[in-house]
C-alpha atoms as a PDB file:
ATOM      1  CA  MET A   1      -0.095  -0.081  -0.128  1.00  0.00           C
ATOM      2  CA  THR A   2       1.082   3.434  -0.709  1.00  0.00           C
ATOM      3  CA  LYS A   3       1.718   6.339   1.182  1.00  0.00           C
ATOM      4  CA  ASP A   4      -0.856   8.019  -0.566  1.00  0.00           C
ATOM      5  CA  MET A   5      -3.302   5.629   0.257  1.00  0.00           C
ATOM      6  CA  ILE A   6      -2.604   4.844   4.149  1.00  0.00           C
ATOM      7  CA  GLY A   7      -2.478   9.168   4.157  1.00  0.00           C
ATOM      8  CA  TYR A   8      -5.711   9.039   2.293  1.00  0.00           C
ATOM      9  CA  ARG A   9      -7.531   6.228   4.854  1.00  0.00           C
ATOM     10  CA  GLU A  10      -6.298   8.429   7.833  1.00  0.00           C
ATOM     11  CA  LYS A  11      -8.145  11.526   6.590  1.00  0.00           C
ATOM     12  CA  TRP A  12     -11.540   9.803   5.232  1.00  0.00           C
ATOM     13  CA  ALA A  13     -11.931   8.293   9.401  1.00  0.00           C
ATOM     14  CA  LYS A  14     -11.112  11.623  10.475  1.00  0.00           C
ATOM     15  CA  GLU A  15     -13.539  13.306   8.462  1.00  0.00           C
ATOM     16  CA  LYS A  16     -16.460  10.618   9.485  1.00  0.00           C
ATOM     17  CA  GLY A  17     -15.264  11.193  13.375  1.00  0.00           C
ATOM     18  CA  PHE A  18     -13.095   8.343  14.246  1.00  0.00           C
ATOM     19  CA  SER A  19      -9.638   8.662  16.024  1.00  0.00           C
ATOM     20  CA  SER A  20      -8.144   6.687  13.242  1.00  0.00           C
ATOM     21  CA  PHE A  21      -8.725   4.205  10.470  1.00  0.00           C
ATOM     22  CA  ARG A  22      -7.730   1.776  13.300  1.00  0.00           C
ATOM     23  CA  ASP A  23     -10.838   3.031  15.051  1.00  0.00           C
ATOM     24  CA  TYR A  24     -12.740   2.862  12.330  1.00  0.00           C
ATOM     25  CA  GLN A  25     -12.262  -0.655  11.513  1.00  0.00           C
ATOM     26  CA  LYS A  26     -12.653  -1.509  15.350  1.00  0.00           C
ATOM     27  CA  ARG A  27     -15.951  -0.054  15.644  1.00  0.00           C
ATOM     28  CA  TRP A  28     -17.142  -1.470  12.535  1.00  0.00           C
ATOM     29  CA  ALA A  29     -16.443  -5.286  13.965  1.00  0.00           C
ATOM     30  CA  ASN A  30     -17.648  -4.377  16.877  1.00  0.00           C
ATOM     31  CA  GLY A  31     -21.148  -3.320  14.944  1.00  0.00           C
ATOM     32  CA  LYS A  32     -20.820  -7.065  13.346  1.00  0.00           C
ATOM     33  CA  GLY A  33     -20.713  -8.684  16.576  1.00  0.00           C
ATOM     34  CA  HIS A  34     -16.612  -9.101  17.201  1.00  0.00           C
ATOM     35  CA  LYS A  35     -14.437  -7.942  19.526  1.00  0.00           C
ATOM     36  CA  SER A  36     -11.673  -6.713  16.979  1.00  0.00           C
ATOM     37  CA  TYR A  37     -11.318  -6.344  13.156  1.00  0.00           C
ATOM     38  CA  SER A  38      -8.287  -9.571  13.289  1.00  0.00           C
ATOM     39  CA  GLY A  39     -11.231 -10.751  14.898  1.00  0.00           C
ATOM     40  CA  TYR A  40     -13.722 -10.552  12.007  1.00  0.00           C
ATOM     41  CA  LEU A  41     -11.008 -11.233   9.764  1.00  0.00           C
ATOM     42  CA  GLU A  42     -10.544 -14.683  11.493  1.00  0.00           C
ATOM     43  CA  SER A  43     -14.647 -15.793  11.353  1.00  0.00           C
ATOM     44  CA  TRP A  44     -14.653 -14.822   8.055  1.00  0.00           C
ATOM     45  CA  ALA A  45     -12.079 -16.851   6.717  1.00  0.00           C
ATOM     46  CA  ARG A  46     -13.114 -20.055   8.954  1.00  0.00           C
ATOM     47  CA  GLU A  47     -16.982 -19.638   6.710  1.00  0.00           C
ATOM     48  CA  LYS A  48     -14.959 -19.160   3.717  1.00  0.00           C
ATOM     49  CA  GLY A  49     -13.427 -22.563   4.477  1.00  0.00           C
ATOM     50  CA  TYR A  50      -9.897 -21.472   5.814  1.00  0.00           C
ATOM     51  CA  THR A  51      -8.265 -22.275   8.998  1.00  0.00           C
ATOM     52  CA  SER A  52      -7.263 -18.888   9.502  1.00  0.00           C
ATOM     53  CA  TYR A  53      -7.017 -15.197   7.993  1.00  0.00           C
ATOM     54  CA  ASN A  54      -3.169 -16.063   7.356  1.00  0.00           C
ATOM     55  CA  ASP A  55      -4.429 -18.985   5.740  1.00  0.00           C
ATOM     56  CA  TYR A  56      -6.138 -17.272   3.187  1.00  0.00           C
ATOM     57  CA  VAL A  57      -3.639 -14.624   2.862  1.00  0.00           C
ATOM     58  CA  ASN A  58      -1.005 -16.745   1.927  1.00  0.00           C
ATOM     59  CA  GLU A  59      -3.237 -19.126  -0.327  1.00  0.00           C
ATOM     60  CA  MET A  60      -4.280 -15.846  -2.475  1.00  0.00           C
ATOM     61  CA  ALA A  61      -0.557 -14.728  -2.713  1.00  0.00           C
ATOM     62  CA  SER A  62       0.797 -18.027  -4.003  1.00  0.00           C
ATOM     63  CA  LYS A  63      -2.016 -17.797  -6.303  1.00  0.00           C
ATOM     64  CA  ARG A  64      -0.979 -14.136  -7.672  1.00  0.00           C
ATOM     65  CA  LYS A  65       2.369 -15.343  -7.747  1.00  0.00           C
ATOM     66  CA  GLU A  66       1.399 -17.627 -10.959  1.00  0.00           C
ATOM     67  CA  MET A  67      -0.320 -15.287 -13.039  1.00  0.00           C
ATOM     68  CA  PRO A  68       1.721 -14.699 -16.283  1.00  0.00           C
ATOM     69  CA  GLU A  69       1.350 -10.417 -15.368  1.00  0.00           C
ATOM     70  CA  ASN A  70       2.699 -10.547 -11.993  1.00  0.00           C
ATOM     71  CA  LYS A  71       5.625 -13.390 -12.852  1.00  0.00           C
ATOM     72  CA  ASN A  72       6.557 -10.554 -15.954  1.00  0.00           C
ATOM     73  CA  LEU A  73       6.883  -7.558 -13.794  1.00  0.00           C
ATOM     74  CA  SER A  74       8.561  -9.416 -11.473  1.00  0.00           C
ATOM     75  CA  SER A  75      11.041 -10.496 -13.582  1.00  0.00           C
ATOM     76  CA  LEU A  76      11.271  -6.890 -15.262  1.00  0.00           C
ATOM     77  CA  ILE A  77      11.615  -5.170 -11.873  1.00  0.00           C
ATOM     78  CA  LYS A  78      14.393  -7.637 -10.546  1.00  0.00           C
ATOM     79  CA  ILE A  79      16.402  -7.419 -13.865  1.00  0.00           C
ATOM     80  CA  ARG A  80      16.091  -3.585 -14.164  1.00  0.00           C
ATOM     81  CA  LEU A  81      17.692  -2.899 -10.661  1.00  0.00           C
ATOM     82  CA  LYS A  82      20.621  -5.348 -11.514  1.00  0.00           C
ATOM     83  CA  GLU A  83      21.532  -3.746 -14.699  1.00  0.00           C
ATOM     84  CA  LEU A  84      20.905  -0.109 -12.933  1.00  0.00           C
ATOM     85  CA  GLY A  85      22.886  -1.236 -10.175  1.00  0.00           C
ATOM     86  CA  GLU A  86      20.151  -0.010  -7.935  1.00  0.00           C
ATOM     87  CA  ASN A  87      17.966  -1.715  -5.102  1.00  0.00           C
ATOM     88  CA  GLN A  88      14.332  -2.479  -4.323  1.00  0.00           C
ATOM     89  CA  THR A  89      14.579   0.806  -1.171  1.00  0.00           C
ATOM     90  CA  TRP A  90      16.001   2.935  -4.378  1.00  0.00           C
ATOM     91  CA  LEU A  91      13.325   2.558  -6.172  1.00  0.00           C
ATOM     92  CA  ALA A  92      10.988   2.290  -3.051  1.00  0.00           C
ATOM     93  CA  GLN A  93      12.098   6.105  -2.851  1.00  0.00           C
ATOM     94  CA  HIS A  94      11.385   7.420  -6.358  1.00  0.00           C
ATOM     95  CA  LEU A  95       8.540   6.113  -6.564  1.00  0.00           C
ATOM     96  CA  GLY A  96       7.164   7.211  -2.988  1.00  0.00           C
ATOM     97  CA  CYS A  97       5.576   3.694  -1.621  1.00  0.00           C
ATOM     98  CA  THR A  98       7.199   1.347   0.693  1.00  0.00           C
ATOM     99  CA  ARG A  99      10.085  -0.806   0.556  1.00  0.00           C
ATOM    100  CA  GLN A 100       7.560  -3.273   1.737  1.00  0.00           C
ATOM    101  CA  ALA A 101       5.217  -2.617  -1.330  1.00  0.00           C
ATOM    102  CA  VAL A 102       8.192  -2.945  -3.973  1.00  0.00           C
ATOM    103  CA  SER A 103       8.900  -6.082  -2.718  1.00  0.00           C
ATOM    104  CA  LEU A 104       5.870  -7.693  -3.062  1.00  0.00           C
ATOM    105  CA  TYR A 105       5.982  -6.588  -6.682  1.00  0.00           C
ATOM    106  CA  ALA A 106       9.598  -7.992  -6.894  1.00  0.00           C
ATOM    107  CA  LEU A 107       8.453 -11.438  -5.594  1.00  0.00           C
ATOM    108  CA  GLY A 108       5.114 -11.200  -7.965  1.00  0.00           C
ATOM    109  CA  LYS A 109       2.857 -11.498  -5.117  1.00  0.00           C
ATOM    110  CA  ASN A 110       1.208  -8.167  -5.835  1.00  0.00           C
ATOM    111  CA  CYS A 111       0.517  -6.083  -8.879  1.00  0.00           C
ATOM    112  CA  PRO A 112       0.288  -2.272  -9.011  1.00  0.00           C
ATOM    113  CA  LYS A 113      -2.730  -0.860 -10.239  1.00  0.00           C
ATOM    114  CA  MET A 114      -1.868   1.151 -13.478  1.00  0.00           C
ATOM    115  CA  PRO A 115      -0.838   4.747 -12.137  1.00  0.00           C
ATOM    116  CA  MET A 116       1.467   3.129  -9.889  1.00  0.00           C
ATOM    117  CA  LEU A 117       2.381   0.587 -13.120  1.00  0.00           C
ATOM    118  CA  LYS A 118       3.450   3.617 -15.358  1.00  0.00           C
ATOM    119  CA  LYS A 119       5.535   5.148 -12.587  1.00  0.00           C
ATOM    120  CA  ILE A 120       7.361   1.903 -12.105  1.00  0.00           C
ATOM    121  CA  TYR A 121       8.254   2.106 -16.021  1.00  0.00           C
ATOM    122  CA  PHE A 122       9.412   5.627 -16.004  1.00  0.00           C
ATOM    123  CA  VAL A 123      11.481   5.136 -12.651  1.00  0.00           C
ATOM    124  CA  LEU A 124      12.751   1.727 -14.445  1.00  0.00           C
ATOM    125  CA  ASP A 125      13.154   3.420 -17.782  1.00  0.00           C
ATOM    126  CA  VAL A 126      11.654   1.015 -19.659  1.00  0.00           C
ATOM    127  CA  PRO A 127       8.631   1.604 -22.391  1.00  0.00           C
ATOM    128  CA  LEU A 128       4.919   0.925 -20.977  1.00  0.00           C
ATOM    129  CA  GLY A 129       4.259  -1.931 -22.963  1.00  0.00           C
ATOM    130  CA  LYS A 130       7.205  -3.871 -22.779  1.00  0.00           C
ATOM    131  CA  LEU A 131       5.998  -6.491 -20.833  1.00  0.00           C
END
């Protein structure tokens, strides 16, 4: 998640009268009969047939890693960073996101939305349609 998204969520929550986005999540979960948002997520995952929310997250990440577009982006990021002599922290700074987000892209566990994808291509100096 980009820093912009985190800031947007916090701003939105405060505009709605909550002290933070976490406070919003907690109150929302309480309204659904759960003590916490994480408790809600665990309950939801069990209803869907998973043993835990973490198992659900891991399964979804595995599925995303197998998607061709994620594999291609992963390879592109790794190759270009090596060619440029740079690392994921450098890329994250230039993209305005966290190193963890770049790591997820480089591992193929997450695929960015188009605005971020355009930034990645620009920063890595790759034509947009290369994949």
